[in-house]
Amino acid sequence: GNWSVCTLLDGEGTLKRICIFSAYSLIPYVAALYITTIMSHF
């Protein structure tokens, strides 16, 4: 969706770059999922 929209808005990001950058951005949230699950048992 982002690649499709930003192509129309003259964005410079490629599909590969959007995928990599977006995945890296998920790291804190993903870490929080595991940490909070462990914390819930203590």
PDB file of all heavy atoms in Angstrom:
ATOM      1  N   GLY A   1       0.814  -1.211   0.000  1.00  0.00           N
ATOM      2  CA  GLY A   1       0.000   0.000   0.000  1.00  0.00           C
ATOM      3  C   GLY A   1       0.847   1.260   0.000  1.00  0.00           C
ATOM      4  O   GLY A   1       0.569   2.213  -0.735  1.00  0.00           O
ATOM      5  N   ASN A   2       1.903   1.279   0.810  1.00  0.00           N
ATOM      6  CA  ASN A   2       2.773   2.453   0.867  1.00  0.00           C
ATOM      7  C   ASN A   2       3.515   2.649  -0.441  1.00  0.00           C
ATOM      8  O   ASN A   2       3.657   3.784  -0.926  1.00  0.00           O
ATOM      9  CB  ASN A   2       3.761   2.310   2.022  1.00  0.00           C
ATOM     10  CG  ASN A   2       4.641   3.531   2.201  1.00  0.00           C
ATOM     11  OD1 ASN A   2       5.798   3.544   1.794  1.00  0.00           O
ATOM     12  ND2 ASN A   2       4.087   4.581   2.788  1.00  0.00           N
ATOM     13  N   TRP A   3       3.999   1.564  -1.010  1.00  0.00           N
ATOM     14  CA  TRP A   3       4.709   1.661  -2.293  1.00  0.00           C
ATOM     15  C   TRP A   3       3.780   2.181  -3.385  1.00  0.00           C
ATOM     16  O   TRP A   3       4.158   3.037  -4.191  1.00  0.00           O
ATOM     17  CB  TRP A   3       5.270   0.296  -2.669  1.00  0.00           C
ATOM     18  CG  TRP A   3       5.904   0.267  -4.031  1.00  0.00           C
ATOM     19  CD1 TRP A   3       7.127   0.756  -4.392  1.00  0.00           C
ATOM     20  CD2 TRP A   3       5.315  -0.269  -5.224  1.00  0.00           C
ATOM     21  NE1 TRP A   3       7.352   0.551  -5.731  1.00  0.00           N
ATOM     22  CE2 TRP A   3       6.252  -0.089  -6.267  1.00  0.00           C
ATOM     23  CE3 TRP A   3       4.113  -0.906  -5.509  1.00  0.00           C
ATOM     24  CZ2 TRP A   3       6.001  -0.493  -7.567  1.00  0.00           C
ATOM     25  CZ3 TRP A   3       3.859  -1.317  -6.809  1.00  0.00           C
ATOM     26  CH2 TRP A   3       4.804  -1.108  -7.814  1.00  0.00           C
ATOM     27  N   SER A   4       2.543   1.691  -3.395  1.00  0.00           N
ATOM     28  CA  SER A   4       1.573   2.110  -4.416  1.00  0.00           C
ATOM     29  C   SER A   4       1.250   3.595  -4.288  1.00  0.00           C
ATOM     30  O   SER A   4       1.239   4.340  -5.281  1.00  0.00           O
ATOM     31  CB  SER A   4       0.283   1.291  -4.284  1.00  0.00           C
ATOM     32  OG  SER A   4       0.542  -0.088  -4.403  1.00  0.00           O
ATOM     33  N   VAL A   5       0.984   4.035  -3.063  1.00  0.00           N
ATOM     34  CA  VAL A   5       0.622   5.435  -2.829  1.00  0.00           C
ATOM     35  C   VAL A   5       1.793   6.360  -3.113  1.00  0.00           C
ATOM     36  O   VAL A   5       1.648   7.382  -3.799  1.00  0.00           O
ATOM     37  CB  VAL A   5       0.126   5.622  -1.379  1.00  0.00           C
ATOM     38  CG1 VAL A   5       0.050   7.091  -1.017  1.00  0.00           C
ATOM     39  CG2 VAL A   5      -1.222   4.961  -1.189  1.00  0.00           C
ATOM     40  N   CYS A   6       2.960   6.014  -2.598  1.00  0.00           N
ATOM     41  CA  CYS A   6       4.115   6.901  -2.718  1.00  0.00           C
ATOM     42  C   CYS A   6       4.687   6.934  -4.129  1.00  0.00           C
ATOM     43  O   CYS A   6       5.397   7.881  -4.486  1.00  0.00           O
ATOM     44  CB  CYS A   6       5.186   6.499  -1.710  1.00  0.00           C
ATOM     45  SG  CYS A   6       4.667   6.795   0.006  1.00  0.00           S
ATOM     46  N   THR A   7       4.396   5.933  -4.923  1.00  0.00           N
ATOM     47  CA  THR A   7       4.774   5.992  -6.332  1.00  0.00           C
ATOM     48  C   THR A   7       4.024   7.124  -7.024  1.00  0.00           C
ATOM     49  O   THR A   7       4.587   7.846  -7.864  1.00  0.00           O
ATOM     50  CB  THR A   7       4.456   4.657  -7.031  1.00  0.00           C
ATOM     51  OG1 THR A   7       5.234   3.612  -6.424  1.00  0.00           O
ATOM     52  CG2 THR A   7       4.800   4.714  -8.509  1.00  0.00           C
ATOM     53  N   LEU A   8       2.755   7.300  -6.643  1.00  0.00           N
ATOM     54  CA  LEU A   8       1.944   8.387  -7.200  1.00  0.00           C
ATOM     55  C   LEU A   8       2.356   9.743  -6.634  1.00  0.00           C
ATOM     56  O   LEU A   8       2.122  10.780  -7.263  1.00  0.00           O
ATOM     57  CB  LEU A   8       0.461   8.136  -6.906  1.00  0.00           C
ATOM     58  CG  LEU A   8      -0.127   6.844  -7.482  1.00  0.00           C
ATOM     59  CD1 LEU A   8      -1.575   6.682  -7.030  1.00  0.00           C
ATOM     60  CD2 LEU A   8      -0.045   6.848  -9.007  1.00  0.00           C
ATOM     61  N   LEU A   9       2.953   9.737  -5.454  1.00  0.00           N
ATOM     62  CA  LEU A   9       3.376  10.989  -4.806  1.00  0.00           C
ATOM     63  C   LEU A   9       4.861  11.283  -5.027  1.00  0.00           C
ATOM     64  O   LEU A   9       5.465  12.048  -4.284  1.00  0.00           O
ATOM     65  CB  LEU A   9       3.099  10.910  -3.296  1.00  0.00           C
ATOM     66  CG  LEU A   9       1.632  10.757  -2.878  1.00  0.00           C
ATOM     67  CD1 LEU A   9       1.518  10.639  -1.370  1.00  0.00           C
ATOM     68  CD2 LEU A   9       0.810  11.952  -3.377  1.00  0.00           C
ATOM     69  N   ASP A  10       5.424  10.660  -6.058  1.00  0.00           N
ATOM     70  CA  ASP A  10       6.832  10.897  -6.425  1.00  0.00           C
ATOM     71  C   ASP A  10       7.799  10.515  -5.313  1.00  0.00           C
ATOM     72  O   ASP A  10       8.829  11.181  -5.097  1.00  0.00           O
ATOM     73  CB  ASP A  10       7.062  12.369  -6.813  1.00  0.00           C
ATOM     74  CG  ASP A  10       6.239  12.779  -8.021  1.00  0.00           C
ATOM     75  OD1 ASP A  10       6.087  11.947  -8.925  1.00  0.00           O
ATOM     76  OD2 ASP A  10       5.741  13.916  -8.038  1.00  0.00           O
ATOM     77  N   GLY A  11       7.490   9.453  -4.594  1.00  0.00           N
ATOM     78  CA  GLY A  11       8.395   8.968  -3.555  1.00  0.00           C
ATOM     79  C   GLY A  11       9.591   8.257  -4.164  1.00  0.00           C
ATOM     80  O   GLY A  11       9.484   7.625  -5.215  1.00  0.00           O
ATOM     81  N   GLU A  12      10.717   8.324  -3.483  1.00  0.00           N
ATOM     82  CA  GLU A  12      11.943   7.714  -3.994  1.00  0.00           C
ATOM     83  C   GLU A  12      12.150   6.285  -3.488  1.00  0.00           C
ATOM     84  O   GLU A  12      13.056   5.592  -3.942  1.00  0.00           O
ATOM     85  CB  GLU A  12      13.155   8.560  -3.590  1.00  0.00           C
ATOM     86  CG  GLU A  12      13.151   9.963  -4.185  1.00  0.00           C
ATOM     87  CD  GLU A  12      14.383  10.759  -3.795  1.00  0.00           C
ATOM     88  OE1 GLU A  12      15.332  10.137  -3.245  1.00  0.00           O
ATOM     89  OE2 GLU A  12      14.416  11.976  -4.044  1.00  0.00           O
ATOM     90  N   GLY A  13      11.342   5.860  -2.553  1.00  0.00           N
ATOM     91  CA  GLY A  13      11.525   4.541  -1.953  1.00  0.00           C
ATOM     92  C   GLY A  13      11.133   3.400  -2.874  1.00  0.00           C
ATOM     93  O   GLY A  13      10.080   3.432  -3.511  1.00  0.00           O
ATOM     94  N   THR A  14      11.988   2.395  -2.931  1.00  0.00           N
ATOM     95  CA  THR A  14      11.674   1.195  -3.691  1.00  0.00           C
ATOM     96  C   THR A  14      10.920   0.213  -2.788  1.00  0.00           C
ATOM     97  O   THR A  14      10.856   0.382  -1.563  1.00  0.00           O
ATOM     98  CB  THR A  14      12.955   0.514  -4.195  1.00  0.00           C
ATOM     99  OG1 THR A  14      13.757   0.119  -3.061  1.00  0.00           O
ATOM    100  CG2 THR A  14      13.754   1.451  -5.081  1.00  0.00           C
ATOM    101  N   LEU A  15      10.342  -0.804  -3.401  1.00  0.00           N
ATOM    102  CA  LEU A  15       9.604  -1.805  -2.630  1.00  0.00           C
ATOM    103  C   LEU A  15      10.525  -2.492  -1.625  1.00  0.00           C
ATOM    104  O   LEU A  15      10.135  -2.742  -0.478  1.00  0.00           O
ATOM    105  CB  LEU A  15       8.995  -2.845  -3.579  1.00  0.00           C
ATOM    106  CG  LEU A  15       7.901  -3.753  -3.011  1.00  0.00           C
ATOM    107  CD1 LEU A  15       6.694  -2.939  -2.572  1.00  0.00           C
ATOM    108  CD2 LEU A  15       7.488  -4.791  -4.048  1.00  0.00           C
ATOM    109  N   LYS A  16      11.751  -2.771  -2.017  1.00  0.00           N
ATOM    110  CA  LYS A  16      12.732  -3.412  -1.139  1.00  0.00           C
ATOM    111  C   LYS A  16      13.073  -2.511   0.041  1.00  0.00           C
ATOM    112  O   LYS A  16      13.110  -2.961   1.192  1.00  0.00           O
ATOM    113  CB  LYS A  16      13.992  -3.749  -1.931  1.00  0.00           C
ATOM    114  CG  LYS A  16      15.106  -4.360  -1.087  1.00  0.00           C
ATOM    115  CD  LYS A  16      16.358  -4.630  -1.922  1.00  0.00           C
ATOM    116  CE  LYS A  16      17.490  -5.174  -1.061  1.00  0.00           C
ATOM    117  NZ  LYS A  16      18.720  -5.423  -1.868  1.00  0.00           N
ATOM    118  N   ARG A  17      13.320  -1.238  -0.243  1.00  0.00           N
ATOM    119  CA  ARG A  17      13.699  -0.316   0.826  1.00  0.00           C
ATOM    120  C   ARG A  17      12.550  -0.124   1.819  1.00  0.00           C
ATOM    121  O   ARG A  17      12.770  -0.084   3.039  1.00  0.00           O
ATOM    122  CB  ARG A  17      14.112   1.033   0.240  1.00  0.00           C
ATOM    123  CG  ARG A  17      14.601   2.031   1.285  1.00  0.00           C
ATOM    124  CD  ARG A  17      14.967   3.353   0.659  1.00  0.00           C
ATOM    125  NE  ARG A  17      16.077   3.214  -0.272  1.00  0.00           N
ATOM    126  CZ  ARG A  17      16.438   4.154  -1.127  1.00  0.00           C
ATOM    127  NH1 ARG A  17      15.753   5.284  -1.199  1.00  0.00           N
ATOM    128  NH2 ARG A  17      17.468   3.962  -1.920  1.00  0.00           N
ATOM    129  N   ILE A  18      11.332  -0.001   1.322  1.00  0.00           N
ATOM    130  CA  ILE A  18      10.174   0.157   2.200  1.00  0.00           C
ATOM    131  C   ILE A  18      10.024  -1.069   3.095  1.00  0.00           C
ATOM    132  O   ILE A  18       9.755  -0.954   4.298  1.00  0.00           O
ATOM    133  CB  ILE A  18       8.893   0.371   1.379  1.00  0.00           C
ATOM    134  CG1 ILE A  18       8.970   1.673   0.592  1.00  0.00           C
ATOM    135  CG2 ILE A  18       7.661   0.401   2.287  1.00  0.00           C
ATOM    136  CD1 ILE A  18       7.874   1.832  -0.438  1.00  0.00           C
ATOM    137  N   CYS A  19      10.211  -2.248   2.513  1.00  0.00           N
ATOM    138  CA  CYS A  19      10.090  -3.499   3.265  1.00  0.00           C
ATOM    139  C   CYS A  19      11.137  -3.570   4.381  1.00  0.00           C
ATOM    140  O   CYS A  19      10.809  -3.880   5.529  1.00  0.00           O
ATOM    141  CB  CYS A  19      10.236  -4.684   2.316  1.00  0.00           C
ATOM    142  SG  CYS A  19      10.137  -6.303   3.129  1.00  0.00           S
ATOM    143  N   ILE A  20      12.374  -3.274   4.049  1.00  0.00           N
ATOM    144  CA  ILE A  20      13.467  -3.346   5.034  1.00  0.00           C
ATOM    145  C   ILE A  20      13.274  -2.308   6.129  1.00  0.00           C
ATOM    146  O   ILE A  20      13.331  -2.627   7.326  1.00  0.00           O
ATOM    147  CB  ILE A  20      14.825  -3.155   4.345  1.00  0.00           C
ATOM    148  CG1 ILE A  20      15.135  -4.345   3.422  1.00  0.00           C
ATOM    149  CG2 ILE A  20      15.938  -2.998   5.378  1.00  0.00           C
ATOM    150  CD1 ILE A  20      16.386  -4.175   2.583  1.00  0.00           C
ATOM    151  N   PHE A  21      13.034  -1.063   5.753  1.00  0.00           N
ATOM    152  CA  PHE A  21      12.888   0.005   6.742  1.00  0.00           C
ATOM    153  C   PHE A  21      11.689  -0.251   7.652  1.00  0.00           C
ATOM    154  O   PHE A  21      11.759  -0.032   8.859  1.00  0.00           O
ATOM    155  CB  PHE A  21      12.735   1.357   6.037  1.00  0.00           C
ATOM    156  CG  PHE A  21      14.026   1.922   5.501  1.00  0.00           C
ATOM    157  CD1 PHE A  21      15.144   1.127   5.336  1.00  0.00           C
ATOM    158  CD2 PHE A  21      14.128   3.263   5.148  1.00  0.00           C
ATOM    159  CE1 PHE A  21      16.332   1.632   4.847  1.00  0.00           C
ATOM    160  CE2 PHE A  21      15.304   3.796   4.653  1.00  0.00           C
ATOM    161  CZ  PHE A  21      16.409   2.978   4.500  1.00  0.00           C
ATOM    162  N   SER A  22      10.579  -0.702   7.062  1.00  0.00           N
ATOM    163  CA  SER A  22       9.374  -0.957   7.854  1.00  0.00           C
ATOM    164  C   SER A  22       9.588  -2.114   8.825  1.00  0.00           C
ATOM    165  O   SER A  22       9.136  -2.066   9.977  1.00  0.00           O
ATOM    166  CB  SER A  22       8.190  -1.262   6.927  1.00  0.00           C
ATOM    167  OG  SER A  22       7.876  -0.162   6.105  1.00  0.00           O
ATOM    168  N   ALA A  23      10.279  -3.156   8.369  1.00  0.00           N
ATOM    169  CA  ALA A  23      10.546  -4.307   9.233  1.00  0.00           C
ATOM    170  C   ALA A  23      11.446  -3.919  10.402  1.00  0.00           C
ATOM    171  O   ALA A  23      11.185  -4.294  11.550  1.00  0.00           O
ATOM    172  CB  ALA A  23      11.190  -5.438   8.426  1.00  0.00           C
ATOM    173  N   TYR A  24      12.473  -3.132  10.122  1.00  0.00           N
ATOM    174  CA  TYR A  24      13.368  -2.684  11.195  1.00  0.00           C
ATOM    175  C   TYR A  24      12.614  -1.837  12.219  1.00  0.00           C
ATOM    176  O   TYR A  24      12.926  -1.866  13.416  1.00  0.00           O
ATOM    177  CB  TYR A  24      14.524  -1.871  10.617  1.00  0.00           C
ATOM    178  CG  TYR A  24      15.609  -2.697   9.932  1.00  0.00           C
ATOM    179  CD1 TYR A  24      15.342  -3.997   9.487  1.00  0.00           C
ATOM    180  CD2 TYR A  24      16.877  -2.194   9.724  1.00  0.00           C
ATOM    181  CE1 TYR A  24      16.319  -4.753   8.856  1.00  0.00           C
ATOM    182  CE2 TYR A  24      17.872  -2.953   9.097  1.00  0.00           C
ATOM    183  CZ  TYR A  24      17.585  -4.223   8.659  1.00  0.00           C
ATOM    184  OH  TYR A  24      18.552  -4.984   8.044  1.00  0.00           O
ATOM    185  N   SER A  25      11.623  -1.085  11.737  1.00  0.00           N
ATOM    186  CA  SER A  25      10.836  -0.230  12.633  1.00  0.00           C
ATOM    187  C   SER A  25       9.986  -1.034  13.610  1.00  0.00           C
ATOM    188  O   SER A  25       9.593  -0.522  14.666  1.00  0.00           O
ATOM    189  CB  SER A  25       9.920   0.682  11.804  1.00  0.00           C
ATOM    190  OG  SER A  25      10.665   1.494  10.932  1.00  0.00           O
ATOM    191  N   LEU A  26       9.694  -2.274  13.280  1.00  0.00           N
ATOM    192  CA  LEU A  26       8.850  -3.116  14.132  1.00  0.00           C
ATOM    193  C   LEU A  26       9.573  -3.671  15.352  1.00  0.00           C
ATOM    194  O   LEU A  26       8.933  -4.169  16.284  1.00  0.00           O
ATOM    195  CB  LEU A  26       8.301  -4.292  13.318  1.00  0.00           C
ATOM    196  CG  LEU A  26       7.235  -3.988  12.266  1.00  0.00           C
ATOM    197  CD1 LEU A  26       6.910  -5.270  11.486  1.00  0.00           C
ATOM    198  CD2 LEU A  26       5.983  -3.430  12.903  1.00  0.00           C
ATOM    199  N   ILE A  27      10.903  -3.592  15.358  1.00  0.00           N
ATOM    200  CA  ILE A  27      11.691  -4.268  16.396  1.00  0.00           C
ATOM    201  C   ILE A  27      11.272  -3.898  17.824  1.00  0.00           C
ATOM    202  O   ILE A  27      11.072  -4.789  18.652  1.00  0.00           O
ATOM    203  CB  ILE A  27      13.194  -4.013  16.173  1.00  0.00           C
ATOM    204  CG1 ILE A  27      13.655  -4.739  14.902  1.00  0.00           C
ATOM    205  CG2 ILE A  27      14.021  -4.486  17.368  1.00  0.00           C
ATOM    206  CD1 ILE A  27      15.098  -4.478  14.519  1.00  0.00           C
ATOM    207  N   PRO A  28      11.134  -2.609  18.181  1.00  0.00           N
ATOM    208  CA  PRO A  28      10.731  -2.300  19.565  1.00  0.00           C
ATOM    209  C   PRO A  28       9.373  -2.903  19.936  1.00  0.00           C
ATOM    210  O   PRO A  28       9.206  -3.401  21.059  1.00  0.00           O
ATOM    211  CB  PRO A  28      10.679  -0.768  19.576  1.00  0.00           C
ATOM    212  CG  PRO A  28      11.603  -0.352  18.488  1.00  0.00           C
ATOM    213  CD  PRO A  28      11.436  -1.383  17.426  1.00  0.00           C
ATOM    214  N   TYR A  29       8.422  -2.861  19.007  1.00  0.00           N
ATOM    215  CA  TYR A  29       7.097  -3.417  19.297  1.00  0.00           C
ATOM    216  C   TYR A  29       7.151  -4.929  19.451  1.00  0.00           C
ATOM    217  O   TYR A  29       6.539  -5.493  20.359  1.00  0.00           O
ATOM    218  CB  TYR A  29       6.116  -3.041  18.184  1.00  0.00           C
ATOM    219  CG  TYR A  29       4.740  -3.619  18.380  1.00  0.00           C
ATOM    220  CD1 TYR A  29       3.918  -3.165  19.412  1.00  0.00           C
ATOM    221  CD2 TYR A  29       4.267  -4.636  17.559  1.00  0.00           C
ATOM    222  CE1 TYR A  29       2.655  -3.701  19.605  1.00  0.00           C
ATOM    223  CE2 TYR A  29       3.005  -5.171  17.745  1.00  0.00           C
ATOM    224  CZ  TYR A  29       2.211  -4.705  18.768  1.00  0.00           C
ATOM    225  OH  TYR A  29       0.959  -5.245  18.966  1.00  0.00           O
ATOM    226  N   VAL A  30       7.899  -5.581  18.566  1.00  0.00           N
ATOM    227  CA  VAL A  30       8.045  -7.036  18.648  1.00  0.00           C
ATOM    228  C   VAL A  30       8.712  -7.429  19.961  1.00  0.00           C
ATOM    229  O   VAL A  30       8.286  -8.376  20.632  1.00  0.00           O
ATOM    230  CB  VAL A  30       8.857  -7.575  17.448  1.00  0.00           C
ATOM    231  CG1 VAL A  30       9.150  -9.060  17.621  1.00  0.00           C
ATOM    232  CG2 VAL A  30       8.109  -7.331  16.148  1.00  0.00           C
ATOM    233  N   ALA A  31       9.755  -6.694  20.338  1.00  0.00           N
ATOM    234  CA  ALA A  31      10.430  -6.963  21.611  1.00  0.00           C
ATOM    235  C   ALA A  31       9.469  -6.781  22.778  1.00  0.00           C
ATOM    236  O   ALA A  31       9.479  -7.562  23.739  1.00  0.00           O
ATOM    237  CB  ALA A  31      11.634  -6.035  21.766  1.00  0.00           C
ATOM    238  N   ALA A  32       8.612  -5.758  22.691  1.00  0.00           N
ATOM    239  CA  ALA A  32       7.645  -5.495  23.759  1.00  0.00           C
ATOM    240  C   ALA A  32       6.647  -6.643  23.909  1.00  0.00           C
ATOM    241  O   ALA A  32       6.220  -6.959  25.023  1.00  0.00           O
ATOM    242  CB  ALA A  32       6.902  -4.190  23.482  1.00  0.00           C
ATOM    243  N   LEU A  33       6.275  -7.284  22.800  1.00  0.00           N
ATOM    244  CA  LEU A  33       5.349  -8.414  22.867  1.00  0.00           C
ATOM    245  C   LEU A  33       5.933  -9.553  23.714  1.00  0.00           C
ATOM    246  O   LEU A  33       5.240 -10.123  24.571  1.00  0.00           O
ATOM    247  CB  LEU A  33       5.038  -8.927  21.457  1.00  0.00           C
ATOM    248  CG  LEU A  33       4.216  -8.012  20.544  1.00  0.00           C
ATOM    249  CD1 LEU A  33       4.045  -8.658  19.179  1.00  0.00           C
ATOM    250  CD2 LEU A  33       2.858  -7.700  21.157  1.00  0.00           C
ATOM    251  N   TYR A  34       7.192  -9.864  23.468  1.00  0.00           N
ATOM    252  CA  TYR A  34       7.841 -10.947  24.216  1.00  0.00           C
ATOM    253  C   TYR A  34       8.091 -10.546  25.669  1.00  0.00           C
ATOM    254  O   TYR A  34       7.857 -11.345  26.590  1.00  0.00           O
ATOM    255  CB  TYR A  34       9.162 -11.325  23.548  1.00  0.00           C
ATOM    256  CG  TYR A  34       9.013 -12.007  22.215  1.00  0.00           C
ATOM    257  CD1 TYR A  34       9.121 -11.301  21.034  1.00  0.00           C
ATOM    258  CD2 TYR A  34       8.754 -13.381  22.136  1.00  0.00           C
ATOM    259  CE1 TYR A  34       8.983 -11.924  19.797  1.00  0.00           C
ATOM    260  CE2 TYR A  34       8.623 -14.015  20.910  1.00  0.00           C
ATOM    261  CZ  TYR A  34       8.734 -13.281  19.747  1.00  0.00           C
ATOM    262  OH  TYR A  34       8.596 -13.896  18.529  1.00  0.00           O
ATOM    263  N   ILE A  35       8.576  -9.323  25.875  1.00  0.00           N
ATOM    264  CA  ILE A  35       8.907  -8.873  27.232  1.00  0.00           C
ATOM    265  C   ILE A  35       7.668  -8.815  28.110  1.00  0.00           C
ATOM    266  O   ILE A  35       7.679  -9.275  29.261  1.00  0.00           O
ATOM    267  CB  ILE A  35       9.602  -7.496  27.187  1.00  0.00           C
ATOM    268  CG1 ILE A  35      10.966  -7.614  26.508  1.00  0.00           C
ATOM    269  CG2 ILE A  35       9.777  -6.931  28.603  1.00  0.00           C
ATOM    270  CD1 ILE A  35      11.635  -6.280  26.242  1.00  0.00           C
ATOM    271  N   THR A  36       6.578  -8.256  27.585  1.00  0.00           N
ATOM    272  CA  THR A  36       5.353  -8.155  28.390  1.00  0.00           C
ATOM    273  C   THR A  36       4.751  -9.520  28.686  1.00  0.00           C
ATOM    274  O   THR A  36       4.173  -9.725  29.755  1.00  0.00           O
ATOM    275  CB  THR A  36       4.308  -7.281  27.676  1.00  0.00           C
ATOM    276  OG1 THR A  36       4.105  -7.754  26.330  1.00  0.00           O
ATOM    277  CG2 THR A  36       4.765  -5.829  27.623  1.00  0.00           C
ATOM    278  N   THR A  37       4.893 -10.449  27.746  1.00  0.00           N
ATOM    279  CA  THR A  37       4.394 -11.809  27.994  1.00  0.00           C
ATOM    280  C   THR A  37       5.155 -12.452  29.145  1.00  0.00           C
ATOM    281  O   THR A  37       4.554 -13.084  30.033  1.00  0.00           O
ATOM    282  CB  THR A  37       4.531 -12.676  26.731  1.00  0.00           C
ATOM    283  OG1 THR A  37       3.803 -12.084  25.658  1.00  0.00           O
ATOM    284  CG2 THR A  37       3.988 -14.080  26.981  1.00  0.00           C
ATOM    285  N   ILE A  38       6.476 -12.282  29.147  1.00  0.00           N
ATOM    286  CA  ILE A  38       7.297 -12.823  30.243  1.00  0.00           C
ATOM    287  C   ILE A  38       6.963 -12.121  31.556  1.00  0.00           C
ATOM    288  O   ILE A  38       6.803 -12.767  32.597  1.00  0.00           O
ATOM    289  CB  ILE A  38       8.796 -12.667  29.911  1.00  0.00           C
ATOM    290  CG1 ILE A  38       9.174 -13.527  28.696  1.00  0.00           C
ATOM    291  CG2 ILE A  38       9.656 -13.056  31.117  1.00  0.00           C
ATOM    292  CD1 ILE A  38      10.572 -13.297  28.181  1.00  0.00           C
ATOM    293  N   MET A  39       6.825 -10.802  31.518  1.00  0.00           N
ATOM    294  CA  MET A  39       6.513 -10.039  32.726  1.00  0.00           C
ATOM    295  C   MET A  39       5.181 -10.448  33.334  1.00  0.00           C
ATOM    296  O   MET A  39       5.010 -10.424  34.561  1.00  0.00           O
ATOM    297  CB  MET A  39       6.493  -8.535  32.405  1.00  0.00           C
ATOM    298  CG  MET A  39       7.849  -7.933  32.100  1.00  0.00           C
ATOM    299  SD  MET A  39       7.734  -6.181  31.599  1.00  0.00           S
ATOM    300  CE  MET A  39       7.131  -5.430  33.103  1.00  0.00           C
ATOM    301  N   SER A  40       4.224 -10.819  32.488  1.00  0.00           N
ATOM    302  CA  SER A  40       2.892 -11.177  32.987  1.00  0.00           C
ATOM    303  C   SER A  40       2.909 -12.398  33.894  1.00  0.00           C
ATOM    304  O   SER A  40       1.992 -12.599  34.697  1.00  0.00           O
ATOM    305  CB  SER A  40       1.941 -11.426  31.808  1.00  0.00           C
ATOM    306  OG  SER A  40       2.289 -12.621  31.110  1.00  0.00           O
ATOM    307  N   HIS A  41       3.959 -13.216  33.778  1.00  0.00           N
ATOM    308  CA  HIS A  41       4.061 -14.418  34.607  1.00  0.00           C
ATOM    309  C   HIS A  41       4.791 -14.161  35.928  1.00  0.00           C
ATOM    310  O   HIS A  41       4.862 -15.054  36.773  1.00  0.00           O
ATOM    311  CB  HIS A  41       4.785 -15.521  33.835  1.00  0.00           C
ATOM    312  CG  HIS A  41       3.989 -16.063  32.692  1.00  0.00           C
ATOM    313  ND1 HIS A  41       3.030 -17.050  32.843  1.00  0.00           N
ATOM    314  CD2 HIS A  41       3.988 -15.741  31.372  1.00  0.00           C
ATOM    315  CE1 HIS A  41       2.487 -17.331  31.673  1.00  0.00           C
ATOM    316  NE2 HIS A  41       3.048 -16.544  30.763  1.00  0.00           N
ATOM    317  N   PHE A  42       5.322 -12.948  36.076  1.00  0.00           N
ATOM    318  CA  PHE A  42       6.065 -12.633  37.302  1.00  0.00           C
ATOM    319  C   PHE A  42       5.412 -11.513  38.122  1.00  0.00           C
ATOM    320  O   PHE A  42       5.752 -11.331  39.284  1.00  0.00           O
ATOM    321  CB  PHE A  42       7.509 -12.228  36.959  1.00  0.00           C
ATOM    322  CG  PHE A  42       8.331 -13.359  36.416  1.00  0.00           C
ATOM    323  CD1 PHE A  42       8.459 -13.543  35.050  1.00  0.00           C
ATOM    324  CD2 PHE A  42       8.973 -14.251  37.269  1.00  0.00           C
ATOM    325  CE1 PHE A  42       9.219 -14.591  34.539  1.00  0.00           C
ATOM    326  CE2 PHE A  42       9.729 -15.298  36.760  1.00  0.00           C
ATOM    327  CZ  PHE A  42       9.853 -15.472  35.405  1.00  0.00           C
TER     328      PHE A  42
END
